[in-house]
Amino acid sequence: MSKDHQQVDGAWFAGAGEKLDIDNAYGISVGYQSPDVLFGPIGIRLGYAGAQFQDEGGMVTPSNPTGDEWLGDATAAYDKYNQYAASIYWGNLNAVSGPFIAAMYQVRDFTMKNGFEDYKVQGAEFMVGYGFECGVSAVVGYNWMNIDQDGANGVDVDASVIPVAVNYQITPNFQVWAEARFDAGTDDDAAVNDVERNFDEVAGTYNTENVYSLGARYTF
């Protein structure tokens, strides 16, 4: 079933702004979780997803490789994507106490048309956490993402960040938390021969900036 102006993570070229017209989409996932091993269960999950974009009419032409000056509907530059993902974890992040370890990798391949080069977006996440019986839990991780575009002048940039979070379940109804995200070497170089070398400029993100937040929730 076709839908217009849908969120498509990773659709950063041709001025799409991660919004495209989808003709059809599909996906499948499988997983397995073992009984507890030492401090918790071990689980693995595999997934596949894909989408075909609507066939927009009219001739469109990108005026440069990154599509900063796009003439026409962005969907006309996108044909389809295929995405693959795998994750593994050990423990239970919501457990009262004990450790938790997890890792995930995923890649999304975009097939382009009308003069735009194919590209892929891939990323990996690693997480280690621990829950204490007093109600405090802490999690630290490492996230990496890469945008790799085909062609001699294709974009190839990386982002790396370290997320940290601490949660305190004061009562069964009340919890407070603090979160932070630190840049760990995200590409932020100047463009070379009109080819972007700054991840945030390509993706419209703010990974080079450190971010902090506080929160609280009371459930009646």
N, C-alpha and C. Protein backbone atom coordinates (compact mmCIF):
# COMPACT_ATOMS: atom_id res chain seq x y z
N MET A 1 0.85 -1.19 0.00
CA MET A 1 0.00 0.00 0.00
C MET A 1 0.89 1.24 0.00
N SER A 2 0.69 2.11 -0.97
CA SER A 2 1.55 3.29 -1.11
C SER A 2 1.16 4.36 -0.09
N LYS A 3 2.19 5.08 0.38
CA LYS A 3 2.00 6.17 1.32
C LYS A 3 2.96 7.30 0.96
N ASP A 4 2.48 8.52 1.06
CA ASP A 4 3.28 9.68 0.71
C ASP A 4 3.96 10.28 1.95
N HIS A 5 5.11 10.88 1.72
CA HIS A 5 5.83 11.67 2.72
C HIS A 5 6.06 10.88 4.00
N GLN A 6 6.65 9.70 3.85
CA GLN A 6 6.92 8.83 4.99
C GLN A 6 8.36 8.99 5.48
N GLN A 7 8.56 8.76 6.77
CA GLN A 7 9.89 8.81 7.37
C GLN A 7 10.73 7.66 6.84
N VAL A 8 11.89 7.97 6.27
CA VAL A 8 12.82 6.95 5.77
C VAL A 8 14.20 7.30 6.32
N ASP A 9 14.60 6.62 7.38
CA ASP A 9 15.89 6.90 8.00
C ASP A 9 17.02 6.69 7.01
N GLY A 10 17.92 7.65 6.94
CA GLY A 10 19.06 7.54 6.04
C GLY A 10 18.87 8.15 4.68
N ALA A 11 17.67 8.63 4.36
CA ALA A 11 17.41 9.27 3.06
C ALA A 11 17.82 10.74 3.13
N TRP A 12 19.13 10.97 3.04
CA TRP A 12 19.66 12.32 3.24
C TRP A 12 20.01 13.04 1.94
N PHE A 13 20.00 12.33 0.81
CA PHE A 13 20.43 12.96 -0.44
C PHE A 13 19.24 13.47 -1.25
N ALA A 14 19.53 14.26 -2.25
CA ALA A 14 18.51 14.81 -3.15
C ALA A 14 17.53 15.71 -2.42
N GLY A 15 17.93 16.23 -1.26
CA GLY A 15 17.04 17.11 -0.52
C GLY A 15 15.85 16.41 0.09
N ALA A 16 15.97 15.09 0.28
CA ALA A 16 14.83 14.31 0.78
C ALA A 16 14.47 14.64 2.22
N GLY A 17 15.46 14.94 3.06
CA GLY A 17 15.16 15.22 4.45
C GLY A 17 14.53 14.05 5.17
N GLU A 18 14.86 12.81 4.74
CA GLU A 18 14.33 11.57 5.31
C GLU A 18 12.82 11.46 5.16
N LYS A 19 12.26 12.09 4.13
CA LYS A 19 10.84 11.98 3.82
C LYS A 19 10.68 11.60 2.35
N LEU A 20 10.08 10.42 2.08
CA LEU A 20 9.90 9.96 0.71
C LEU A 20 8.53 9.32 0.54
N ASP A 21 8.12 9.18 -0.72
CA ASP A 21 6.84 8.53 -1.05
C ASP A 21 7.11 7.05 -1.28
N ILE A 22 6.50 6.19 -0.46
CA ILE A 22 6.73 4.75 -0.52
C ILE A 22 5.63 4.06 -1.32
N ASP A 23 6.04 3.19 -2.22
CA ASP A 23 5.08 2.39 -2.98
C ASP A 23 4.68 1.15 -2.18
N ASN A 24 5.67 0.41 -1.68
CA ASN A 24 5.37 -0.74 -0.82
C ASN A 24 6.58 -1.00 0.08
N ALA A 25 6.34 -1.62 1.21
CA ALA A 25 7.39 -1.93 2.18
C ALA A 25 7.12 -3.29 2.80
N TYR A 26 8.18 -3.95 3.27
CA TYR A 26 8.04 -5.30 3.79
C TYR A 26 9.20 -5.58 4.75
N GLY A 27 9.02 -6.57 5.59
CA GLY A 27 10.07 -6.90 6.54
C GLY A 27 9.80 -8.21 7.24
N ILE A 28 10.85 -8.80 7.79
CA ILE A 28 10.73 -10.04 8.53
C ILE A 28 11.83 -10.09 9.58
N SER A 29 11.56 -10.71 10.72
CA SER A 29 12.57 -10.84 11.76
C SER A 29 12.38 -12.16 12.49
N VAL A 30 13.47 -12.70 12.99
CA VAL A 30 13.44 -13.93 13.78
C VAL A 30 14.34 -13.73 14.98
N GLY A 31 14.07 -14.46 16.04
CA GLY A 31 14.88 -14.32 17.23
C GLY A 31 14.80 -15.54 18.12
N TYR A 32 15.75 -15.63 19.03
CA TYR A 32 15.77 -16.72 20.00
C TYR A 32 16.32 -16.19 21.31
N GLN A 33 15.70 -16.61 22.42
CA GLN A 33 16.19 -16.25 23.75
C GLN A 33 16.33 -17.52 24.58
N SER A 34 17.50 -17.69 25.17
CA SER A 34 17.78 -18.87 25.97
C SER A 34 17.25 -18.71 27.39
N PRO A 35 17.22 -19.77 28.16
CA PRO A 35 16.98 -19.64 29.61
C PRO A 35 18.14 -18.86 30.23
N ASP A 36 18.00 -18.49 31.49
CA ASP A 36 19.05 -17.72 32.16
C ASP A 36 20.38 -18.47 32.16
N VAL A 37 21.42 -17.74 31.81
CA VAL A 37 22.80 -18.24 31.88
C VAL A 37 23.56 -17.30 32.80
N LEU A 38 23.92 -17.77 33.97
CA LEU A 38 24.54 -16.94 35.00
C LEU A 38 23.63 -15.79 35.39
N PHE A 39 23.82 -14.57 34.83
CA PHE A 39 23.06 -13.41 35.28
C PHE A 39 21.85 -13.07 34.41
N GLY A 40 21.55 -13.90 33.39
CA GLY A 40 20.39 -13.60 32.58
C GLY A 40 20.37 -14.37 31.27
N PRO A 41 19.31 -14.21 30.49
CA PRO A 41 19.19 -14.94 29.23
C PRO A 41 20.12 -14.37 28.16
N ILE A 42 20.44 -15.21 27.17
CA ILE A 42 21.19 -14.78 26.00
C ILE A 42 20.23 -14.81 24.81
N GLY A 43 20.19 -13.75 24.06
CA GLY A 43 19.27 -13.67 22.94
C GLY A 43 19.95 -13.19 21.68
N ILE A 44 19.40 -13.59 20.54
CA ILE A 44 19.90 -13.14 19.24
C ILE A 44 18.70 -12.85 18.34
N ARG A 45 18.84 -11.81 17.53
CA ARG A 45 17.76 -11.42 16.62
C ARG A 45 18.35 -11.07 15.26
N LEU A 46 17.66 -11.49 14.21
CA LEU A 46 18.04 -11.17 12.84
C LEU A 46 16.84 -10.56 12.14
N GLY A 47 17.10 -9.58 11.30
CA GLY A 47 15.98 -8.92 10.63
C GLY A 47 16.31 -8.47 9.23
N TYR A 48 15.29 -8.37 8.40
CA TYR A 48 15.42 -7.84 7.04
C TYR A 48 14.22 -6.95 6.77
N ALA A 49 14.46 -5.85 6.08
CA ALA A 49 13.37 -4.95 5.68
C ALA A 49 13.72 -4.34 4.33
N GLY A 50 12.71 -3.98 3.59
CA GLY A 50 12.93 -3.36 2.29
C GLY A 50 11.77 -2.48 1.91
N ALA A 51 12.00 -1.61 0.95
CA ALA A 51 10.95 -0.72 0.47
C ALA A 51 11.22 -0.34 -0.98
N GLN A 52 10.15 -0.20 -1.73
CA GLN A 52 10.19 0.30 -3.11
C GLN A 52 9.52 1.66 -3.11
N PHE A 53 10.19 2.65 -3.69
CA PHE A 53 9.63 4.00 -3.69
C PHE A 53 8.79 4.25 -4.93
N GLN A 54 7.88 5.19 -4.81
CA GLN A 54 6.98 5.49 -5.91
C GLN A 54 7.75 6.01 -7.12
N ASP A 55 7.25 5.69 -8.29
CA ASP A 55 7.88 6.09 -9.53
C ASP A 55 7.37 7.47 -9.93
N GLU A 56 8.13 8.50 -9.51
CA GLU A 56 7.74 9.87 -9.81
C GLU A 56 8.02 10.19 -11.28
N GLY A 57 7.10 10.87 -11.93
CA GLY A 57 7.25 11.21 -13.34
C GLY A 57 8.13 12.43 -13.53
N GLY A 58 8.56 12.64 -14.78
CA GLY A 58 9.33 13.83 -15.10
C GLY A 58 10.83 13.59 -14.99
N MET A 59 11.58 14.31 -15.80
CA MET A 59 13.03 14.21 -15.77
C MET A 59 13.59 15.09 -14.66
N VAL A 60 14.48 14.54 -13.85
CA VAL A 60 15.09 15.29 -12.77
C VAL A 60 16.60 15.19 -12.90
N THR A 61 17.31 16.21 -12.47
CA THR A 61 18.76 16.24 -12.61
C THR A 61 19.40 16.82 -11.36
N PRO A 62 20.30 16.09 -10.69
CA PRO A 62 21.01 16.67 -9.55
C PRO A 62 22.09 17.62 -10.06
N SER A 63 22.21 18.77 -9.46
CA SER A 63 23.21 19.73 -9.91
C SER A 63 24.56 19.51 -9.25
N ASN A 64 24.62 18.65 -8.21
CA ASN A 64 25.91 18.28 -7.62
C ASN A 64 25.76 16.95 -6.89
N PRO A 65 26.86 16.26 -6.55
CA PRO A 65 26.78 14.91 -5.99
C PRO A 65 26.02 14.79 -4.69
N THR A 66 25.96 15.86 -3.88
CA THR A 66 25.27 15.75 -2.60
C THR A 66 23.82 16.21 -2.68
N GLY A 67 23.40 16.72 -3.83
CA GLY A 67 22.01 17.09 -4.00
C GLY A 67 21.60 18.32 -3.23
N ASP A 68 22.53 19.25 -2.98
CA ASP A 68 22.18 20.44 -2.21
C ASP A 68 21.24 21.36 -2.98
N GLU A 69 21.28 21.29 -4.30
CA GLU A 69 20.42 22.11 -5.13
C GLU A 69 19.59 21.19 -6.02
N TRP A 70 18.57 20.60 -5.43
CA TRP A 70 17.78 19.56 -6.11
C TRP A 70 16.66 20.19 -6.92
N LEU A 71 16.53 19.71 -8.17
CA LEU A 71 15.46 20.18 -9.04
C LEU A 71 14.46 19.04 -9.21
N GLY A 72 13.30 19.16 -8.59
CA GLY A 72 12.29 18.11 -8.71
C GLY A 72 12.00 17.44 -7.38
N ASP A 73 11.14 16.41 -7.41
CA ASP A 73 10.74 15.68 -6.21
C ASP A 73 11.86 14.74 -5.80
N ALA A 74 12.19 14.74 -4.51
CA ALA A 74 13.30 13.91 -4.03
C ALA A 74 13.04 12.43 -4.27
N THR A 75 11.77 11.99 -4.22
CA THR A 75 11.46 10.58 -4.42
C THR A 75 11.93 10.10 -5.79
N ALA A 76 11.99 11.00 -6.76
CA ALA A 76 12.42 10.61 -8.11
C ALA A 76 13.87 10.18 -8.15
N ALA A 77 14.65 10.49 -7.13
CA ALA A 77 16.05 10.08 -7.08
C ALA A 77 16.23 8.72 -6.42
N TYR A 78 15.21 8.21 -5.73
CA TYR A 78 15.31 6.97 -4.97
C TYR A 78 14.50 5.85 -5.63
N ASP A 79 15.13 4.69 -5.76
CA ASP A 79 14.46 3.53 -6.34
C ASP A 79 13.96 2.58 -5.25
N LYS A 80 14.88 2.11 -4.39
CA LYS A 80 14.50 1.16 -3.34
C LYS A 80 15.60 1.08 -2.30
N TYR A 81 15.34 0.37 -1.20
CA TYR A 81 16.40 0.04 -0.25
C TYR A 81 16.20 -1.36 0.29
N ASN A 82 17.31 -1.97 0.72
CA ASN A 82 17.30 -3.24 1.42
C ASN A 82 18.08 -3.06 2.72
N GLN A 83 17.53 -3.55 3.81
CA GLN A 83 18.17 -3.37 5.12
C GLN A 83 18.32 -4.71 5.82
N TYR A 84 19.48 -4.89 6.46
CA TYR A 84 19.77 -6.11 7.21
C TYR A 84 20.25 -5.71 8.61
N ALA A 85 19.82 -6.47 9.62
CA ALA A 85 20.18 -6.14 10.99
C ALA A 85 20.39 -7.41 11.80
N ALA A 86 21.31 -7.33 12.76
CA ALA A 86 21.57 -8.44 13.67
C ALA A 86 21.91 -7.88 15.03
N SER A 87 21.43 -8.53 16.08
CA SER A 87 21.73 -8.08 17.44
C SER A 87 21.87 -9.28 18.36
N ILE A 88 22.64 -9.08 19.43
CA ILE A 88 22.82 -10.10 20.44
C ILE A 88 22.87 -9.42 21.81
N TYR A 89 22.30 -10.07 22.81
CA TYR A 89 22.30 -9.48 24.15
C TYR A 89 22.43 -10.59 25.19
N TRP A 90 22.87 -10.17 26.36
CA TRP A 90 23.01 -11.09 27.50
C TRP A 90 22.58 -10.34 28.75
N GLY A 91 21.54 -10.84 29.38
CA GLY A 91 21.00 -10.20 30.57
C GLY A 91 19.66 -9.54 30.28
N ASN A 92 19.16 -8.83 31.28
CA ASN A 92 17.86 -8.16 31.17
C ASN A 92 18.02 -6.73 31.64
N LEU A 93 17.87 -5.78 30.72
CA LEU A 93 18.08 -4.38 31.07
C LEU A 93 17.08 -3.90 32.11
N ASN A 94 15.91 -4.53 32.19
CA ASN A 94 14.87 -4.12 33.14
C ASN A 94 14.89 -4.93 34.43
N ALA A 95 15.92 -5.75 34.59
CA ALA A 95 16.01 -6.55 35.81
C ALA A 95 16.30 -5.66 37.02
N VAL A 96 15.93 -6.16 38.20
CA VAL A 96 16.15 -5.41 39.43
C VAL A 96 17.64 -5.20 39.68
N SER A 97 18.45 -6.22 39.39
CA SER A 97 19.89 -6.09 39.60
C SER A 97 20.62 -7.01 38.63
N GLY A 98 21.90 -6.68 38.39
CA GLY A 98 22.72 -7.51 37.54
C GLY A 98 23.18 -6.79 36.29
N PRO A 99 24.13 -7.39 35.56
CA PRO A 99 24.68 -6.76 34.36
C PRO A 99 23.83 -7.01 33.11
N PHE A 100 24.11 -6.19 32.08
CA PHE A 100 23.45 -6.33 30.79
C PHE A 100 24.46 -5.94 29.71
N ILE A 101 24.58 -6.77 28.66
CA ILE A 101 25.51 -6.52 27.57
C ILE A 101 24.75 -6.70 26.25
N ALA A 102 24.96 -5.81 25.30
CA ALA A 102 24.27 -5.93 24.03
C ALA A 102 25.11 -5.33 22.91
N ALA A 103 24.90 -5.83 21.69
CA ALA A 103 25.57 -5.31 20.50
C ALA A 103 24.62 -5.45 19.32
N MET A 104 24.68 -4.50 18.39
CA MET A 104 23.82 -4.54 17.21
C MET A 104 24.56 -3.98 16.01
N TYR A 105 24.29 -4.55 14.84
CA TYR A 105 24.82 -4.02 13.58
C TYR A 105 23.69 -4.00 12.56
N GLN A 106 23.61 -2.94 11.77
CA GLN A 106 22.63 -2.89 10.70
C GLN A 106 23.19 -2.09 9.52
N VAL A 107 22.71 -2.43 8.33
CA VAL A 107 23.13 -1.74 7.12
C VAL A 107 21.91 -1.56 6.22
N ARG A 108 21.78 -0.39 5.65
CA ARG A 108 20.68 -0.09 4.73
C ARG A 108 21.28 0.37 3.40
N ASP A 109 21.03 -0.40 2.32
CA ASP A 109 21.55 -0.10 0.99
C ASP A 109 20.47 0.59 0.17
N PHE A 110 20.78 1.81 -0.29
CA PHE A 110 19.85 2.56 -1.13
C PHE A 110 20.26 2.43 -2.59
N THR A 111 19.32 2.03 -3.43
CA THR A 111 19.52 2.02 -4.88
C THR A 111 18.90 3.29 -5.44
N MET A 112 19.73 4.07 -6.14
CA MET A 112 19.31 5.38 -6.63
C MET A 112 19.08 5.36 -8.15
N LYS A 113 18.58 6.48 -8.66
CA LYS A 113 18.36 6.61 -10.11
C LYS A 113 18.44 8.09 -10.50
N ASN A 114 18.30 8.36 -11.78
CA ASN A 114 18.31 9.72 -12.30
C ASN A 114 19.59 10.49 -11.94
N GLY A 115 20.71 9.80 -12.05
CA GLY A 115 21.99 10.48 -11.90
C GLY A 115 22.60 10.48 -10.52
N PHE A 116 21.91 9.93 -9.54
CA PHE A 116 22.46 9.87 -8.18
C PHE A 116 23.13 8.52 -7.95
N GLU A 117 24.26 8.55 -7.24
CA GLU A 117 25.00 7.33 -6.95
C GLU A 117 24.34 6.54 -5.82
N ASP A 118 24.38 5.20 -5.92
CA ASP A 118 23.92 4.35 -4.83
C ASP A 118 24.77 4.62 -3.59
N TYR A 119 24.19 4.36 -2.42
CA TYR A 119 24.96 4.51 -1.19
C TYR A 119 24.38 3.62 -0.11
N LYS A 120 25.15 3.44 0.96
CA LYS A 120 24.68 2.65 2.09
C LYS A 120 24.93 3.40 3.38
N VAL A 121 24.08 3.14 4.33
CA VAL A 121 24.21 3.68 5.69
C VAL A 121 24.32 2.48 6.62
N GLN A 122 25.40 2.41 7.36
CA GLN A 122 25.59 1.28 8.27
C GLN A 122 25.99 1.79 9.65
N GLY A 123 25.69 0.99 10.66
CA GLY A 123 26.00 1.41 12.01
C GLY A 123 26.11 0.24 12.96
N ALA A 124 26.82 0.47 14.05
CA ALA A 124 26.97 -0.55 15.09
C ALA A 124 26.80 0.12 16.46
N GLU A 125 26.21 -0.61 17.39
CA GLU A 125 26.01 -0.12 18.75
C GLU A 125 26.47 -1.18 19.74
N PHE A 126 27.16 -0.73 20.77
CA PHE A 126 27.58 -1.60 21.86
C PHE A 126 27.11 -0.98 23.18
N MET A 127 26.62 -1.81 24.09
CA MET A 127 26.06 -1.29 25.34
C MET A 127 26.42 -2.21 26.50
N VAL A 128 26.79 -1.60 27.61
CA VAL A 128 27.04 -2.32 28.85
C VAL A 128 26.30 -1.60 29.97
N GLY A 129 25.53 -2.33 30.73
CA GLY A 129 24.77 -1.71 31.82
C GLY A 129 24.78 -2.57 33.07
N TYR A 130 24.38 -1.96 34.17
CA TYR A 130 24.29 -2.70 35.43
C TYR A 130 23.17 -2.11 36.28
N GLY A 131 22.35 -3.00 36.85
CA GLY A 131 21.28 -2.59 37.74
C GLY A 131 21.60 -2.97 39.17
N PHE A 132 21.39 -2.03 40.09
CA PHE A 132 21.66 -2.27 41.51
C PHE A 132 20.34 -2.44 42.25
N GLU A 133 20.38 -3.22 43.33
CA GLU A 133 19.15 -3.50 44.09
C GLU A 133 18.57 -2.25 44.73
N CYS A 134 19.36 -1.20 44.87
CA CYS A 134 18.86 0.04 45.47
C CYS A 134 17.97 0.83 44.50
N GLY A 135 17.85 0.36 43.25
CA GLY A 135 17.00 1.05 42.28
C GLY A 135 17.76 1.87 41.27
N VAL A 136 19.08 1.91 41.38
CA VAL A 136 19.91 2.67 40.44
C VAL A 136 20.40 1.74 39.33
N SER A 137 20.31 2.20 38.09
CA SER A 137 20.87 1.47 36.96
C SER A 137 21.67 2.44 36.10
N ALA A 138 22.75 1.95 35.51
CA ALA A 138 23.62 2.78 34.68
C ALA A 138 23.96 2.05 33.40
N VAL A 139 24.02 2.80 32.30
CA VAL A 139 24.31 2.23 30.99
C VAL A 139 25.31 3.13 30.28
N VAL A 140 26.31 2.53 29.63
CA VAL A 140 27.24 3.27 28.80
C VAL A 140 27.39 2.50 27.49
N GLY A 141 27.58 3.21 26.39
CA GLY A 141 27.67 2.54 25.10
C GLY A 141 28.63 3.23 24.16
N TYR A 142 28.70 2.68 22.97
CA TYR A 142 29.49 3.27 21.88
C TYR A 142 28.70 3.07 20.59
N ASN A 143 28.41 4.16 19.88
CA ASN A 143 27.65 4.09 18.64
C ASN A 143 28.49 4.60 17.48
N TRP A 144 28.49 3.86 16.39
CA TRP A 144 29.22 4.24 15.18
C TRP A 144 28.29 4.19 13.98
N MET A 145 28.40 5.17 13.09
CA MET A 145 27.59 5.18 11.87
C MET A 145 28.46 5.65 10.70
N ASN A 146 28.20 5.07 9.53
CA ASN A 146 28.96 5.41 8.34
C ASN A 146 28.01 5.63 7.16
N ILE A 147 28.30 6.64 6.36
CA ILE A 147 27.59 6.88 5.10
C ILE A 147 28.61 6.72 3.99
N ASP A 148 28.39 5.77 3.09
CA ASP A 148 29.35 5.46 2.05
C ASP A 148 28.64 5.46 0.70
N GLN A 149 28.98 6.45 -0.13
CA GLN A 149 28.35 6.63 -1.43
C GLN A 149 29.27 6.15 -2.54
N ASP A 150 28.71 5.45 -3.53
CA ASP A 150 29.49 4.98 -4.66
C ASP A 150 30.01 6.16 -5.49
N GLY A 151 30.95 5.85 -6.38
CA GLY A 151 31.46 6.86 -7.29
C GLY A 151 32.75 7.48 -6.80
N ALA A 152 33.53 8.00 -7.76
CA ALA A 152 34.82 8.58 -7.44
C ALA A 152 34.71 9.78 -6.51
N ASN A 153 33.60 10.51 -6.59
CA ASN A 153 33.39 11.69 -5.75
C ASN A 153 32.32 11.44 -4.69
N GLY A 154 32.10 10.17 -4.33
CA GLY A 154 31.08 9.84 -3.36
C GLY A 154 31.45 10.24 -1.94
N VAL A 155 30.45 10.52 -1.15
CA VAL A 155 30.63 10.86 0.25
C VAL A 155 30.99 9.60 1.04
N ASP A 156 31.93 9.70 1.97
CA ASP A 156 32.29 8.61 2.87
C ASP A 156 32.66 9.23 4.21
N VAL A 157 31.70 9.29 5.13
CA VAL A 157 31.90 9.96 6.41
C VAL A 157 31.44 9.06 7.56
N ASP A 158 32.03 9.28 8.74
CA ASP A 158 31.72 8.47 9.92
C ASP A 158 31.31 9.36 11.08
N ALA A 159 30.47 8.81 11.95
CA ALA A 159 30.11 9.45 13.21
C ALA A 159 30.33 8.46 14.35
N SER A 160 30.88 8.94 15.46
CA SER A 160 31.09 8.10 16.63
C SER A 160 30.69 8.88 17.88
N VAL A 161 29.84 8.30 18.70
CA VAL A 161 29.41 8.96 19.93
C VAL A 161 29.38 7.96 21.07
N ILE A 162 29.46 8.47 22.31
CA ILE A 162 29.37 7.65 23.52
C ILE A 162 28.17 8.11 24.34
N PRO A 163 27.08 7.31 24.37
CA PRO A 163 25.93 7.66 25.21
C PRO A 163 26.09 7.10 26.62
N VAL A 164 25.64 7.87 27.61
CA VAL A 164 25.69 7.46 29.01
C VAL A 164 24.34 7.80 29.65
N ALA A 165 23.81 6.89 30.46
CA ALA A 165 22.53 7.14 31.12
C ALA A 165 22.53 6.52 32.51
N VAL A 166 21.94 7.24 33.46
CA VAL A 166 21.76 6.74 34.83
C VAL A 166 20.31 6.95 35.22
N ASN A 167 19.68 5.91 35.73
CA ASN A 167 18.27 5.96 36.13
C ASN A 167 18.15 5.56 37.61
N TYR A 168 17.29 6.26 38.33
CA TYR A 168 17.06 5.93 39.74
C TYR A 168 15.56 5.75 39.95
N GLN A 169 15.16 4.50 40.23
CA GLN A 169 13.77 4.18 40.52
C GLN A 169 13.55 4.39 42.01
N ILE A 170 13.14 5.61 42.39
CA ILE A 170 13.03 5.97 43.80
C ILE A 170 11.93 5.19 44.49
N THR A 171 10.76 5.14 43.85
CA THR A 171 9.64 4.33 44.32
C THR A 171 9.06 3.62 43.10
N PRO A 172 8.15 2.67 43.30
CA PRO A 172 7.55 2.01 42.14
C PRO A 172 6.86 2.99 41.19
N ASN A 173 6.49 4.18 41.68
CA ASN A 173 5.78 5.15 40.85
C ASN A 173 6.63 6.34 40.41
N PHE A 174 7.82 6.48 40.96
CA PHE A 174 8.60 7.70 40.69
C PHE A 174 10.05 7.35 40.34
N GLN A 175 10.52 7.90 39.21
CA GLN A 175 11.90 7.70 38.81
C GLN A 175 12.48 8.98 38.23
N VAL A 176 13.79 9.12 38.36
CA VAL A 176 14.51 10.26 37.80
C VAL A 176 15.69 9.70 37.01
N TRP A 177 16.15 10.46 36.02
CA TRP A 177 17.27 9.98 35.21
C TRP A 177 18.08 11.14 34.65
N ALA A 178 19.31 10.82 34.29
CA ALA A 178 20.22 11.77 33.64
C ALA A 178 20.85 11.08 32.44
N GLU A 179 20.96 11.81 31.33
CA GLU A 179 21.52 11.25 30.11
C GLU A 179 22.54 12.21 29.52
N ALA A 180 23.51 11.67 28.82
CA ALA A 180 24.50 12.49 28.12
C ALA A 180 24.97 11.74 26.88
N ARG A 181 25.41 12.52 25.90
CA ARG A 181 26.00 11.94 24.69
C ARG A 181 27.25 12.74 24.34
N PHE A 182 28.38 12.03 24.20
CA PHE A 182 29.66 12.69 23.94
C PHE A 182 30.18 12.32 22.56
N ASP A 183 30.67 13.31 21.83
CA ASP A 183 31.29 13.05 20.54
C ASP A 183 32.58 12.27 20.74
N ALA A 184 32.82 11.28 19.89
CA ALA A 184 34.02 10.44 20.02
C ALA A 184 34.79 10.38 18.71
N GLY A 185 34.80 11.48 17.97
CA GLY A 185 35.59 11.52 16.74
C GLY A 185 34.78 11.58 15.47
N THR A 186 33.59 12.17 15.51
CA THR A 186 32.77 12.32 14.30
C THR A 186 33.49 13.18 13.27
N ASP A 187 33.46 12.74 11.99
CA ASP A 187 34.10 13.51 10.92
C ASP A 187 33.49 14.90 10.82
N ASP A 188 34.35 15.92 10.85
CA ASP A 188 33.87 17.29 10.73
C ASP A 188 34.82 18.15 9.90
N ASP A 189 35.49 17.52 8.93
CA ASP A 189 36.43 18.23 8.08
C ASP A 189 35.69 19.08 7.04
N ALA A 190 36.41 20.03 6.46
CA ALA A 190 35.85 20.86 5.40
C ALA A 190 35.73 20.04 4.12
N ALA A 191 34.81 20.45 3.25
CA ALA A 191 34.61 19.76 1.98
C ALA A 191 35.87 19.83 1.12
N VAL A 192 36.09 18.77 0.34
CA VAL A 192 37.23 18.70 -0.57
C VAL A 192 36.71 18.51 -1.99
N ASN A 193 37.02 19.46 -2.88
CA ASN A 193 36.52 19.42 -4.26
C ASN A 193 35.00 19.26 -4.31
N ASP A 194 34.33 20.03 -3.46
CA ASP A 194 32.86 20.03 -3.37
C ASP A 194 32.27 18.72 -2.86
N VAL A 195 33.10 17.83 -2.33
CA VAL A 195 32.61 16.59 -1.73
C VAL A 195 32.63 16.76 -0.22
N GLU A 196 31.49 16.61 0.42
CA GLU A 196 31.35 16.87 1.85
C GLU A 196 32.14 15.85 2.67
N ARG A 197 32.84 16.35 3.70
CA ARG A 197 33.61 15.49 4.60
C ARG A 197 33.17 15.69 6.06
N ASN A 198 31.98 16.28 6.23
CA ASN A 198 31.43 16.55 7.55
C ASN A 198 30.15 15.73 7.71
N PHE A 199 30.15 14.78 8.66
CA PHE A 199 29.00 13.90 8.82
C PHE A 199 27.72 14.67 9.10
N ASP A 200 27.79 15.63 10.02
CA ASP A 200 26.58 16.38 10.39
C ASP A 200 26.02 17.17 9.22
N GLU A 201 26.89 17.67 8.33
CA GLU A 201 26.41 18.41 7.17
C GLU A 201 25.66 17.49 6.21
N VAL A 202 26.12 16.26 6.07
CA VAL A 202 25.47 15.30 5.17
C VAL A 202 24.14 14.82 5.75
N ALA A 203 24.16 14.46 7.04
CA ALA A 203 23.00 13.82 7.66
C ALA A 203 22.05 14.80 8.36
N GLY A 204 22.47 16.05 8.52
CA GLY A 204 21.62 17.00 9.23
C GLY A 204 21.51 16.69 10.71
N THR A 205 22.58 16.12 11.29
CA THR A 205 22.58 15.76 12.70
C THR A 205 23.50 16.69 13.49
N TYR A 206 23.66 16.40 14.79
CA TYR A 206 24.49 17.23 15.66
C TYR A 206 25.41 16.35 16.51
N ASN A 207 26.00 15.34 15.88
CA ASN A 207 26.82 14.39 16.62
C ASN A 207 28.10 15.01 17.17
N THR A 208 28.59 16.08 16.57
CA THR A 208 29.82 16.71 17.06
C THR A 208 29.58 17.53 18.32
N GLU A 209 28.32 17.71 18.71
CA GLU A 209 27.99 18.46 19.91
C GLU A 209 27.68 17.51 21.06
N ASN A 210 28.23 17.78 22.23
CA ASN A 210 27.88 17.02 23.42
C ASN A 210 26.50 17.45 23.91
N VAL A 211 25.70 16.48 24.36
CA VAL A 211 24.32 16.75 24.74
C VAL A 211 24.06 16.19 26.14
N TYR A 212 23.31 16.95 26.95
CA TYR A 212 22.99 16.53 28.32
C TYR A 212 21.50 16.75 28.57
N SER A 213 20.90 15.86 29.38
CA SER A 213 19.48 16.02 29.71
C SER A 213 19.18 15.40 31.07
N LEU A 214 18.13 15.92 31.70
CA LEU A 214 17.63 15.40 32.97
C LEU A 214 16.13 15.14 32.82
N GLY A 215 15.61 14.16 33.54
CA GLY A 215 14.18 13.87 33.45
C GLY A 215 13.64 13.25 34.71
N ALA A 216 12.34 13.29 34.84
CA ALA A 216 11.65 12.68 35.98
C ALA A 216 10.27 12.23 35.52
N ARG A 217 9.77 11.16 36.13
CA ARG A 217 8.43 10.65 35.76
C ARG A 217 7.74 10.14 37.02
N TYR A 218 6.49 10.54 37.17
CA TYR A 218 5.66 10.00 38.25
C TYR A 218 4.42 9.38 37.63
N THR A 219 4.16 8.13 37.96
CA THR A 219 3.01 7.40 37.42
C THR A 219 1.94 7.30 38.50
N PHE A 220 0.76 7.80 38.20
CA PHE A 220 -0.34 7.77 39.18
C PHE A 220 -1.08 6.45 39.12
